[in-house]
PDB file of N, CA and C in Angstrom:
ATOM      1  N   MET A   1       0.809  -1.166  -0.001  1.00  0.00           N
ATOM      2  CA  MET A   1       0.085  -0.052  -0.101  1.00  0.00           C
ATOM      3  C   MET A   1       0.969   1.185  -0.088  1.00  0.00           C
ATOM      4  N   PHE A   2       1.845   1.179   0.933  1.00  0.00           N
ATOM      5  CA  PHE A   2       2.838   2.464   0.952  1.00  0.00           C
ATOM      6  C   PHE A   2       3.528   2.877  -0.454  1.00  0.00           C
ATOM      7  N   PHE A   3       3.703   1.654  -1.255  1.00  0.00           N
ATOM      8  CA  PHE A   3       4.378   2.150  -2.344  1.00  0.00           C
ATOM      9  C   PHE A   3       3.671   2.368  -3.480  1.00  0.00           C
ATOM     10  N   SER A   4       2.197   2.135  -3.344  1.00  0.00           N
ATOM     11  CA  SER A   4       1.140   2.596  -4.346  1.00  0.00           C
ATOM     12  C   SER A   4       1.152   4.137  -4.479  1.00  0.00           C
ATOM     13  N   MET A   5       1.610   4.800  -3.174  1.00  0.00           N
ATOM     14  CA  MET A   5       1.543   6.195  -3.197  1.00  0.00           C
ATOM     15  C   MET A   5       2.948   6.696  -3.948  1.00  0.00           C
ATOM     16  N   LEU A   6       3.867   5.935  -4.267  1.00  0.00           N
ATOM     17  CA  LEU A   6       4.792   6.606  -4.946  1.00  0.00           C
ATOM     18  C   LEU A   6       4.816   6.713  -6.418  1.00  0.00           C
ATOM     19  N   LYS A   7       3.380   6.102  -6.893  1.00  0.00           N
ATOM     20  CA  LYS A   7       3.257   6.354  -8.418  1.00  0.00           C
ATOM     21  C   LYS A   7       3.500   7.916  -8.612  1.00  0.00           C
ATOM     22  N   GLY A   8       4.172   8.076  -9.653  1.00  0.00           N
ATOM     23  CA  GLY A   8       4.176   9.507  -9.923  1.00  0.00           C
ATOM     24  C   GLY A   8       5.452  10.315  -9.146  1.00  0.00           C
ATOM     25  N   VAL A   9       5.954   9.637  -8.281  1.00  0.00           N
ATOM     26  CA  VAL A   9       7.186  10.401  -7.367  1.00  0.00           C
ATOM     27  C   VAL A   9       8.265  10.156  -8.194  1.00  0.00           C
ATOM     28  N   HIS A  10       9.259  11.108  -8.422  1.00  0.00           N
ATOM     29  CA  HIS A  10      10.493  11.059  -9.064  1.00  0.00           C
ATOM     30  C   HIS A  10      11.640  10.933  -7.642  1.00  0.00           C
ATOM     31  N   LEU A  11      12.405  10.169  -7.893  1.00  0.00           N
ATOM     32  CA  LEU A  11      13.571   9.941  -6.806  1.00  0.00           C
ATOM     33  C   LEU A  11      14.281  11.387  -6.801  1.00  0.00           C
ATOM     34  N   HIS A  12      14.371  12.317  -7.799  1.00  0.00           N
ATOM     35  CA  HIS A  12      15.567  13.284  -7.607  1.00  0.00           C
ATOM     36  C   HIS A  12      14.742  14.375  -6.842  1.00  0.00           C
ATOM     37  N   ASN A  13      13.393  14.027  -6.664  1.00  0.00           N
ATOM     38  CA  ASN A  13      12.546  15.116  -6.000  1.00  0.00           C
ATOM     39  C   ASN A  13      12.649  14.827  -4.029  1.00  0.00           C
ATOM     40  N   ILE A  14      13.165  13.645  -3.949  1.00  0.00           N
ATOM     41  CA  ILE A  14      13.284  13.078  -2.507  1.00  0.00           C
ATOM     42  C   ILE A  14      14.581  13.357  -2.076  1.00  0.00           C
ATOM     43  N   PRO A  15      14.788  14.117  -0.945  1.00  0.00           N
ATOM     44  CA  PRO A  15      16.120  14.380  -0.447  1.00  0.00           C
ATOM     45  C   PRO A  15      16.530  12.870  -0.075  1.00  0.00           C
ATOM     46  N   ARG A  16      18.080  12.726  -0.260  1.00  0.00           N
ATOM     47  CA  ARG A  16      18.481  11.569   0.117  1.00  0.00           C
ATOM     48  C   ARG A  16      18.414  11.148   1.520  1.00  0.00           C
ATOM     49  N   SER A  17      18.495  12.000   2.608  1.00  0.00           N
ATOM     50  CA  SER A  17      18.377  11.805   3.820  1.00  0.00           C
ATOM     51  C   SER A  17      16.879  11.150   4.029  1.00  0.00           C
ATOM     52  N   ALA A  18      15.933  11.490   3.319  1.00  0.00           N
ATOM     53  CA  ALA A  18      14.655  10.988   3.714  1.00  0.00           C
ATOM     54  C   ALA A  18      14.427   9.533   2.918  1.00  0.00           C
ATOM     55  N   MET A  19      15.417   9.126   1.868  1.00  0.00           N
ATOM     56  CA  MET A  19      15.378   7.948   1.448  1.00  0.00           C
ATOM     57  C   MET A  19      15.943   6.857   2.792  1.00  0.00           C
ATOM     58  N   SER A  20      15.072   6.224   3.161  1.00  0.00           N
ATOM     59  CA  SER A  20      16.035   5.167   4.387  1.00  0.00           C
ATOM     60  C   SER A  20      16.404   4.103   3.770  1.00  0.00           C
ATOM     61  N   GLU A  21      17.308   3.455   4.845  1.00  0.00           N
ATOM     62  CA  GLU A  21      18.004   2.089   4.285  1.00  0.00           C
ATOM     63  C   GLU A  21      16.930   1.124   3.649  1.00  0.00           C
ATOM     64  N   PHE A  22      16.026   0.983   4.351  1.00  0.00           N
ATOM     65  CA  PHE A  22      14.940   0.266   4.268  1.00  0.00           C
ATOM     66  C   PHE A  22      14.198   0.427   2.859  1.00  0.00           C
ATOM     67  N   ALA A  23      13.740   1.619   2.330  1.00  0.00           N
ATOM     68  CA  ALA A  23      13.234   1.784   1.071  1.00  0.00           C
ATOM     69  C   ALA A  23      14.464   1.549   0.193  1.00  0.00           C
ATOM     70  N   VAL A  24      15.618   1.860   0.336  1.00  0.00           N
ATOM     71  CA  VAL A  24      16.604   1.666  -0.828  1.00  0.00           C
ATOM     72  C   VAL A  24      16.791   0.179  -0.869  1.00  0.00           C
ATOM     73  N   ARG A  25      16.957  -0.518   0.051  1.00  0.00           N
ATOM     74  CA  ARG A  25      16.970  -2.144   0.089  1.00  0.00           C
ATOM     75  C   ARG A  25      15.740  -2.813  -0.369  1.00  0.00           C
ATOM     76  N   HIS A  26      14.364  -2.268  -0.199  1.00  0.00           N
ATOM     77  CA  HIS A  26      13.397  -2.998  -0.681  1.00  0.00           C
ATOM     78  C   HIS A  26      12.420  -2.428  -1.750  1.00  0.00           C
ATOM     79  N   ILE A  27      12.652  -1.157  -2.241  1.00  0.00           N
ATOM     80  CA  ILE A  27      11.893  -0.607  -3.198  1.00  0.00           C
ATOM     81  C   ILE A  27      11.764  -1.170  -4.425  1.00  0.00           C
ATOM     82  N   VAL A  28      12.757  -1.960  -4.917  1.00  0.00           N
ATOM     83  CA  VAL A  28      12.500  -3.022  -5.996  1.00  0.00           C
ATOM     84  C   VAL A  28      11.519  -4.081  -6.088  1.00  0.00           C
ATOM     85  N   TYR A  29      11.589  -4.670  -4.821  1.00  0.00           N
ATOM     86  CA  TYR A  29      10.526  -5.702  -4.841  1.00  0.00           C
ATOM     87  C   TYR A  29       9.167  -5.008  -4.574  1.00  0.00           C
ATOM     88  N   HIS A  30       9.167  -3.768  -4.032  1.00  0.00           N
ATOM     89  CA  HIS A  30       7.789  -3.407  -3.717  1.00  0.00           C
ATOM     90  C   HIS A  30       7.050  -3.195  -4.778  1.00  0.00           C
ATOM     91  N   LEU A  31       7.996  -2.182  -5.891  1.00  0.00           N
ATOM     92  CA  LEU A  31       7.435  -1.764  -7.107  1.00  0.00           C
ATOM     93  C   LEU A  31       7.095  -2.917  -8.098  1.00  0.00           C
ATOM     94  N   CYS A  32       7.927  -3.882  -8.051  1.00  0.00           N
ATOM     95  CA  CYS A  32       7.599  -5.205  -9.017  1.00  0.00           C
ATOM     96  C   CYS A  32       6.205  -5.514  -8.426  1.00  0.00           C
ATOM     97  N   ALA A  33       6.166  -6.008  -7.088  1.00  0.00           N
ATOM     98  CA  ALA A  33       4.867  -6.640  -6.684  1.00  0.00           C
ATOM     99  C   ALA A  33       3.808  -5.782  -6.892  1.00  0.00           C
ATOM    100  N   SER A  34       3.888  -4.449  -6.997  1.00  0.00           N
ATOM    101  CA  SER A  34       2.755  -3.281  -7.416  1.00  0.00           C
ATOM    102  C   SER A  34       2.728  -3.318  -8.930  1.00  0.00           C
ATOM    103  N   GLU A  35       3.548  -3.727  -9.642  1.00  0.00           N
ATOM    104  CA  GLU A  35       3.658  -3.803 -11.198  1.00  0.00           C
ATOM    105  C   GLU A  35       3.674  -2.092 -11.631  1.00  0.00           C
ATOM    106  N   LEU A  36       4.477  -1.543 -10.723  1.00  0.00           N
ATOM    107  CA  LEU A  36       4.669  -0.071 -11.061  1.00  0.00           C
ATOM    108  C   LEU A  36       5.942  -0.143 -12.017  1.00  0.00           C
ATOM    109  N   TRP A  37       5.810  -0.439 -13.422  1.00  0.00           N
ATOM    110  CA  TRP A  37       7.149  -0.563 -14.199  1.00  0.00           C
ATOM    111  C   TRP A  37       7.973   0.729 -14.373  1.00  0.00           C
ATOM    112  N   HIS A  38       7.084   1.812 -14.584  1.00  0.00           N
ATOM    113  CA  HIS A  38       7.802   3.142 -15.071  1.00  0.00           C
ATOM    114  C   HIS A  38       8.587   3.610 -13.764  1.00  0.00           C
ATOM    115  N   GLU A  39       7.810   3.394 -12.568  1.00  0.00           N
ATOM    116  CA  GLU A  39       8.593   3.936 -11.538  1.00  0.00           C
ATOM    117  C   GLU A  39       9.776   2.930 -11.096  1.00  0.00           C
ATOM    118  N   LEU A  40       9.734   1.750 -11.358  1.00  0.00           N
ATOM    119  CA  LEU A  40      10.826   0.791 -11.190  1.00  0.00           C
ATOM    120  C   LEU A  40      11.889   1.146 -11.958  1.00  0.00           C
ATOM    121  N   PHE A  41      11.764   1.573 -13.255  1.00  0.00           N
ATOM    122  CA  PHE A  41      12.801   1.695 -14.267  1.00  0.00           C
ATOM    123  C   PHE A  41      13.372   3.318 -13.805  1.00  0.00           C
ATOM    124  N   GLU A  42      12.659   4.145 -13.350  1.00  0.00           N
ATOM    125  CA  GLU A  42      13.081   5.346 -12.795  1.00  0.00           C
ATOM    126  C   GLU A  42      14.116   5.321 -11.612  1.00  0.00           C
ATOM    127  N   VAL A  43      13.557   4.036 -10.700  1.00  0.00           N
ATOM    128  CA  VAL A  43      14.570   3.856  -9.598  1.00  0.00           C
ATOM    129  C   VAL A  43      15.773   3.112 -10.046  1.00  0.00           C
ATOM    130  N   VAL A  44      15.907   1.916 -10.799  1.00  0.00           N
ATOM    131  CA  VAL A  44      17.049   1.269 -10.926  1.00  0.00           C
ATOM    132  C   VAL A  44      17.897   2.045 -11.961  1.00  0.00           C
ATOM    133  N   SER A  45      17.410   3.112 -12.705  1.00  0.00           N
ATOM    134  CA  SER A  45      18.403   3.944 -13.569  1.00  0.00           C
ATOM    135  C   SER A  45      18.766   5.117 -12.933  1.00  0.00           C
ATOM    136  N   ASP A  46      18.442   5.370 -11.633  1.00  0.00           N
ATOM    137  CA  ASP A  46      18.783   6.450 -10.964  1.00  0.00           C
ATOM    138  C   ASP A  46      20.306   6.231 -10.060  1.00  0.00           C
ATOM    139  N   VAL A  47      21.194   7.123 -10.870  1.00  0.00           N
ATOM    140  CA  VAL A  47      22.766   6.777 -10.247  1.00  0.00           C
ATOM    141  C   VAL A  47      22.637   7.106  -8.611  1.00  0.00           C
ATOM    142  N   LYS A  48      21.897   7.826  -7.913  1.00  0.00           N
ATOM    143  CA  LYS A  48      21.961   8.027  -6.745  1.00  0.00           C
ATOM    144  C   LYS A  48      21.477   6.825  -5.956  1.00  0.00           C
ATOM    145  N   TRP A  49      20.383   6.227  -6.504  1.00  0.00           N
ATOM    146  CA  TRP A  49      19.948   4.715  -6.094  1.00  0.00           C
ATOM    147  C   TRP A  49      21.037   3.859  -6.294  1.00  0.00           C
ATOM    148  N   LEU A  50      21.502   3.392  -7.280  1.00  0.00           N
ATOM    149  CA  LEU A  50      22.548   2.707  -7.769  1.00  0.00           C
ATOM    150  C   LEU A  50      23.819   2.868  -6.792  1.00  0.00           C
ATOM    151  N   LEU A  51      24.097   3.810  -6.174  1.00  0.00           N
ATOM    152  CA  LEU A  51      25.401   4.133  -5.639  1.00  0.00           C
ATOM    153  C   LEU A  51      25.075   3.686  -4.074  1.00  0.00           C
ATOM    154  N   ALA A  52      23.830   4.116  -3.627  1.00  0.00           N
ATOM    155  CA  ALA A  52      23.382   3.979  -2.178  1.00  0.00           C
ATOM    156  C   ALA A  52      23.117   2.324  -2.091  1.00  0.00           C
ATOM    157  N   ARG A  53      22.436   1.554  -3.098  1.00  0.00           N
ATOM    158  CA  ARG A  53      22.355   0.175  -2.828  1.00  0.00           C
ATOM    159  C   ARG A  53      23.509  -0.611  -2.943  1.00  0.00           C
ATOM    160  N   ALA A  54      24.534  -0.343  -3.939  1.00  0.00           N
ATOM    161  CA  ALA A  54      25.605  -0.898  -3.881  1.00  0.00           C
ATOM    162  C   ALA A  54      26.598  -0.691  -2.944  1.00  0.00           C
ATOM    163  N   GLN A  55      26.423   0.577  -2.204  1.00  0.00           N
ATOM    164  CA  GLN A  55      27.131   0.698  -0.974  1.00  0.00           C
ATOM    165  C   GLN A  55      26.657  -0.258   0.099  1.00  0.00           C
ATOM    166  N   MET A  56      25.338  -0.169   0.243  1.00  0.00           N
ATOM    167  CA  MET A  56      24.786  -1.316   1.065  1.00  0.00           C
ATOM    168  C   MET A  56      25.081  -2.566   1.085  1.00  0.00           C
ATOM    169  N   GLU A  57      25.038  -3.093  -0.280  1.00  0.00           N
ATOM    170  CA  GLU A  57      25.118  -4.527  -0.389  1.00  0.00           C
ATOM    171  C   GLU A  57      25.305  -4.918  -1.829  1.00  0.00           C
ATOM    172  N   PRO A  58      26.543  -4.864  -2.472  1.00  0.00           N
ATOM    173  CA  PRO A  58      26.753  -4.898  -3.672  1.00  0.00           C
ATOM    174  C   PRO A  58      25.939  -6.254  -4.487  1.00  0.00           C
ATOM    175  N   LEU A  59      26.028  -7.365  -3.647  1.00  0.00           N
ATOM    176  CA  LEU A  59      25.126  -8.502  -4.253  1.00  0.00           C
ATOM    177  C   LEU A  59      23.682  -8.409  -4.451  1.00  0.00           C
ATOM    178  N   GLY A  60      23.405  -7.487  -3.285  1.00  0.00           N
ATOM    179  CA  GLY A  60      21.771  -7.257  -3.267  1.00  0.00           C
ATOM    180  C   GLY A  60      21.436  -6.203  -4.401  1.00  0.00           C
ATOM    181  N   LEU A  61      22.258  -5.530  -4.778  1.00  0.00           N
ATOM    182  CA  LEU A  61      21.902  -4.664  -6.316  1.00  0.00           C
ATOM    183  C   LEU A  61      21.927  -5.630  -7.278  1.00  0.00           C
ATOM    184  N   VAL A  62      22.785  -6.546  -7.783  1.00  0.00           N
ATOM    185  CA  VAL A  62      22.469  -7.476  -8.755  1.00  0.00           C
ATOM    186  C   VAL A  62      21.247  -8.220  -8.643  1.00  0.00           C
ATOM    187  N   LEU A  63      21.161  -9.029  -7.350  1.00  0.00           N
ATOM    188  CA  LEU A  63      19.829  -9.582  -7.181  1.00  0.00           C
ATOM    189  C   LEU A  63      18.466  -8.871  -7.398  1.00  0.00           C
ATOM    190  N   ASP A  64      18.398  -7.440  -7.169  1.00  0.00           N
ATOM    191  CA  ASP A  64      17.512  -6.702  -7.371  1.00  0.00           C
ATOM    192  C   ASP A  64      17.222  -6.661  -8.834  1.00  0.00           C
ATOM    193  N   LEU A  65      17.999  -6.234  -9.461  1.00  0.00           N
ATOM    194  CA  LEU A  65      18.173  -6.365 -10.969  1.00  0.00           C
ATOM    195  C   LEU A  65      17.645  -7.506 -11.749  1.00  0.00           C
ATOM    196  N   GLU A  66      18.063  -8.710 -11.431  1.00  0.00           N
ATOM    197  CA  GLU A  66      17.602  -9.778 -11.616  1.00  0.00           C
ATOM    198  C   GLU A  66      16.046 -10.293 -11.408  1.00  0.00           C
ATOM    199  N   HIS A  67      15.772  -9.847 -10.169  1.00  0.00           N
ATOM    200  CA  HIS A  67      14.626 -10.058  -9.782  1.00  0.00           C
ATOM    201  C   HIS A  67      13.542  -9.302 -10.570  1.00  0.00           C
ATOM    202  N   ALA A  68      13.908  -8.023 -10.879  1.00  0.00           N
ATOM    203  CA  ALA A  68      12.932  -7.315 -11.475  1.00  0.00           C
ATOM    204  C   ALA A  68      13.069  -7.708 -13.044  1.00  0.00           C
ATOM    205  N   ALA A  69      13.929  -8.083 -13.266  1.00  0.00           N
ATOM    206  CA  ALA A  69      14.144  -8.689 -15.012  1.00  0.00           C
ATOM    207  C   ALA A  69      13.215 -10.004 -15.079  1.00  0.00           C
ATOM    208  N   GLY A  70      12.992 -10.704 -13.861  1.00  0.00           N
ATOM    209  CA  GLY A  70      12.206 -11.966 -14.053  1.00  0.00           C
ATOM    210  C   GLY A  70      10.590 -11.892 -14.389  1.00  0.00           C
ATOM    211  N   PHE A  71      10.181 -10.534 -14.611  1.00  0.00           N
ATOM    212  CA  PHE A  71       8.873 -10.370 -14.729  1.00  0.00           C
ATOM    213  C   PHE A  71       8.537 -10.047 -15.969  1.00  0.00           C
ATOM    214  N   PRO A  72       8.025 -11.219 -16.957  1.00  0.00           N
ATOM    215  CA  PRO A  72       7.844 -10.911 -18.438  1.00  0.00           C
ATOM    216  C   PRO A  72       7.067  -9.866 -18.606  1.00  0.00           C
ATOM    217  N   CYS A  73       6.153  -9.428 -17.795  1.00  0.00           N
ATOM    218  CA  CYS A  73       5.162  -8.495 -18.210  1.00  0.00           C
ATOM    219  C   CYS A  73       5.918  -6.859 -17.937  1.00  0.00           C
ATOM    220  N   CYS A  74       7.099  -6.941 -17.618  1.00  0.00           N
ATOM    221  CA  CYS A  74       7.908  -5.597 -17.418  1.00  0.00           C
ATOM    222  C   CYS A  74       8.331  -5.212 -18.510  1.00  0.00           C
ATOM    223  N   PRO A  75       7.746  -4.100 -19.108  1.00  0.00           N
ATOM    224  CA  PRO A  75       8.462  -3.568 -20.414  1.00  0.00           C
ATOM    225  C   PRO A  75       9.961  -3.390 -20.374  1.00  0.00           C
ATOM    226  N   HIS A  76      10.620  -3.131 -19.370  1.00  0.00           N
ATOM    227  CA  HIS A  76      12.009  -2.998 -19.305  1.00  0.00           C
ATOM    228  C   HIS A  76      12.863  -4.161 -18.903  1.00  0.00           C
ATOM    229  N   GLN A  77      12.295  -5.393 -19.073  1.00  0.00           N
ATOM    230  CA  GLN A  77      12.865  -6.646 -18.768  1.00  0.00           C
ATOM    231  C   GLN A  77      14.325  -6.592 -19.395  1.00  0.00           C
ATOM    232  N   ARG A  78      14.434  -6.533 -20.730  1.00  0.00           N
ATOM    233  CA  ARG A  78      15.491  -6.944 -21.234  1.00  0.00           C
ATOM    234  C   ARG A  78      16.550  -5.951 -20.994  1.00  0.00           C
ATOM    235  N   VAL A  79      16.430  -4.627 -20.554  1.00  0.00           N
ATOM    236  CA  VAL A  79      17.360  -3.651 -19.906  1.00  0.00           C
ATOM    237  C   VAL A  79      17.774  -4.321 -18.460  1.00  0.00           C
ATOM    238  N   LEU A  80      16.748  -4.447 -17.656  1.00  0.00           N
ATOM    239  CA  LEU A  80      17.130  -4.735 -16.394  1.00  0.00           C
ATOM    240  C   LEU A  80      17.995  -6.022 -16.452  1.00  0.00           C
ATOM    241  N   ARG A  81      17.728  -7.169 -17.417  1.00  0.00           N
ATOM    242  CA  ARG A  81      18.467  -8.176 -17.386  1.00  0.00           C
ATOM    243  C   ARG A  81      19.783  -8.035 -17.622  1.00  0.00           C
ATOM    244  N   LEU A  82      20.147  -6.987 -18.692  1.00  0.00           N
ATOM    245  CA  LEU A  82      21.417  -6.550 -19.171  1.00  0.00           C
ATOM    246  C   LEU A  82      22.156  -5.907 -17.939  1.00  0.00           C
ATOM    247  N   MET A  83      21.525  -4.958 -17.308  1.00  0.00           N
ATOM    248  CA  MET A  83      22.077  -4.238 -16.167  1.00  0.00           C
ATOM    249  C   MET A  83      22.727  -5.262 -15.029  1.00  0.00           C
ATOM    250  N   GLY A  84      21.690  -6.444 -14.899  1.00  0.00           N
ATOM    251  CA  GLY A  84      21.878  -7.402 -13.732  1.00  0.00           C
ATOM    252  C   GLY A  84      23.469  -8.092 -14.256  1.00  0.00           C
ATOM    253  N   GLN A  85      23.162  -8.803 -15.541  1.00  0.00           N
ATOM    254  CA  GLN A  85      24.227  -9.398 -15.939  1.00  0.00           C
ATOM    255  C   GLN A  85      25.631  -8.645 -15.918  1.00  0.00           C
ATOM    256  N   ALA A  86      25.549  -7.397 -16.410  1.00  0.00           N
ATOM    257  CA  ALA A  86      26.844  -6.632 -16.568  1.00  0.00           C
ATOM    258  C   ALA A  86      27.534  -6.310 -15.221  1.00  0.00           C
ATOM    259  N   LEU A  87      26.645  -5.972 -14.031  1.00  0.00           N
ATOM    260  CA  LEU A  87      26.990  -5.875 -12.604  1.00  0.00           C
ATOM    261  C   LEU A  87      27.455  -7.313 -11.938  1.00  0.00           C
ATOM    262  N   ARG A  88      27.004  -8.450 -12.460  1.00  0.00           N
ATOM    263  CA  ARG A  88      27.185  -9.469 -11.901  1.00  0.00           C
ATOM    264  C   ARG A  88      28.686  -9.846 -12.279  1.00  0.00           C
ATOM    265  N   MET A  89      29.035  -9.572 -13.619  1.00  0.00           N
ATOM    266  CA  MET A  89      30.358  -9.928 -14.426  1.00  0.00           C
ATOM    267  C   MET A  89      31.276  -8.923 -13.630  1.00  0.00           C
ATOM    268  N   ASP A  90      30.901  -7.892 -13.170  1.00  0.00           N
ATOM    269  CA  ASP A  90      31.913  -7.094 -12.465  1.00  0.00           C
ATOM    270  C   ASP A  90      31.441  -6.964 -10.816  1.00  0.00           C
ATOM    271  N   LEU A  91      31.042  -8.034 -10.518  1.00  0.00           N
ATOM    272  CA  LEU A  91      30.800  -8.272  -9.090  1.00  0.00           C
ATOM    273  C   LEU A  91      31.875  -7.991  -8.086  1.00  0.00           C
ATOM    274  N   GLN A  92      32.840  -8.547  -8.250  1.00  0.00           N
ATOM    275  CA  GLN A  92      34.260  -8.435  -7.652  1.00  0.00           C
ATOM    276  C   GLN A  92      34.691  -6.916  -7.487  1.00  0.00           C
ATOM    277  N   GLU A  93      34.791  -6.296  -8.596  1.00  0.00           N
ATOM    278  CA  GLU A  93      35.316  -4.983  -8.591  1.00  0.00           C
ATOM    279  C   GLU A  93      34.090  -4.334  -7.826  1.00  0.00           C
ATOM    280  N   LEU A  94      32.594  -4.521  -7.920  1.00  0.00           N
ATOM    281  CA  LEU A  94      31.622  -3.720  -7.294  1.00  0.00           C
ATOM    282  C   LEU A  94      31.740  -3.820  -5.870  1.00  0.00           C
ATOM    283  N   GLN A  95      32.208  -5.143  -5.412  1.00  0.00           N
ATOM    284  CA  GLN A  95      32.400  -5.141  -3.912  1.00  0.00           C
ATOM    285  C   GLN A  95      33.750  -4.384  -3.393  1.00  0.00           C
ATOM    286  N   HIS A  96      34.696  -4.334  -4.384  1.00  0.00           N
ATOM    287  CA  HIS A  96      35.895  -3.759  -3.890  1.00  0.00           C
ATOM    288  C   HIS A  96      35.777  -2.132  -3.770  1.00  0.00           C
ATOM    289  N   ASP A  97      35.197  -1.568  -5.022  1.00  0.00           N
ATOM    290  CA  ASP A  97      34.873  -0.168  -5.110  1.00  0.00           C
ATOM    291  C   ASP A  97      33.740   0.234  -5.992  1.00  0.00           C
ATOM    292  N   TYR A  98      32.623   0.214  -5.221  1.00  0.00           N
ATOM    293  CA  TYR A  98      31.425   0.279  -5.823  1.00  0.00           C
ATOM    294  C   TYR A  98      31.194   1.652  -6.784  1.00  0.00           C
ATOM    295  N   ARG A  99      31.759   2.819  -6.410  1.00  0.00           N
ATOM    296  CA  ARG A  99      31.685   4.025  -7.132  1.00  0.00           C
ATOM    297  C   ARG A  99      32.743   4.033  -8.285  1.00  0.00           C
ATOM    298  N   VAL A 100      33.737   3.464  -8.214  1.00  0.00           N
ATOM    299  CA  VAL A 100      34.502   3.197  -9.671  1.00  0.00           C
ATOM    300  C   VAL A 100      33.739   2.353 -10.591  1.00  0.00           C
ATOM    301  N   CYS A 101      33.290   1.215 -10.066  1.00  0.00           N
ATOM    302  CA  CYS A 101      32.682   0.373 -10.883  1.00  0.00           C
ATOM    303  C   CYS A 101      31.501   0.846 -11.590  1.00  0.00           C
ATOM    304  N   LEU A 102      30.693   1.403 -10.659  1.00  0.00           N
ATOM    305  CA  LEU A 102      29.123   2.065 -11.203  1.00  0.00           C
ATOM    306  C   LEU A 102      29.509   3.205 -12.082  1.00  0.00           C
ATOM    307  N   LEU A 103      30.365   4.021 -11.715  1.00  0.00           N
ATOM    308  CA  LEU A 103      30.619   5.227 -12.554  1.00  0.00           C
ATOM    309  C   LEU A 103      31.377   5.060 -13.704  1.00  0.00           C
ATOM    310  N   SER A 104      32.367   4.118 -14.078  1.00  0.00           N
ATOM    311  CA  SER A 104      32.976   3.604 -14.993  1.00  0.00           C
ATOM    312  C   SER A 104      32.048   2.868 -16.134  1.00  0.00           C
ATOM    313  N   SER A 105      31.178   2.076 -15.511  1.00  0.00           N
ATOM    314  CA  SER A 105      30.262   1.337 -16.243  1.00  0.00           C
ATOM    315  C   SER A 105      29.086   2.345 -16.979  1.00  0.00           C
ATOM    316  N   TRP A 106      28.548   3.219 -16.197  1.00  0.00           N
ATOM    317  CA  TRP A 106      27.736   4.100 -16.707  1.00  0.00           C
ATOM    318  C   TRP A 106      28.012   5.366 -17.536  1.00  0.00           C
ATOM    319  N   ALA A 107      29.411   5.728 -17.291  1.00  0.00           N
ATOM    320  CA  ALA A 107      30.010   6.797 -18.109  1.00  0.00           C
ATOM    321  C   ALA A 107      30.412   6.359 -19.408  1.00  0.00           C
ATOM    322  N   GLY A 108      30.525   4.909 -19.634  1.00  0.00           N
ATOM    323  CA  GLY A 108      30.651   4.580 -21.216  1.00  0.00           C
ATOM    324  C   GLY A 108      32.000   4.423 -21.166  1.00  0.00           C
TER     325      GLY A 108
END
């Protein structure tokens, strides 16, 4: 129910301090359960969320992306699968220094 209120809310409008560890850790699962695909894609493509999630638990970030990619009805399934696979391949580097790994991956 709480995450249904997130519909139309953009992460860049939420101060980082307001985004609790719980929200960062569980938002992907809640958005998937609510089938809020557009909001899900906004979250997983937000660099602030990626960095926060990787800092907490690098493997958790990969598992979040793989979980989201497991929904055939998700219009972003292929992108999510690709992101998860790419980060899984760099998991050792992600665990060593998540900032360098993510920023170099997304910088091109």
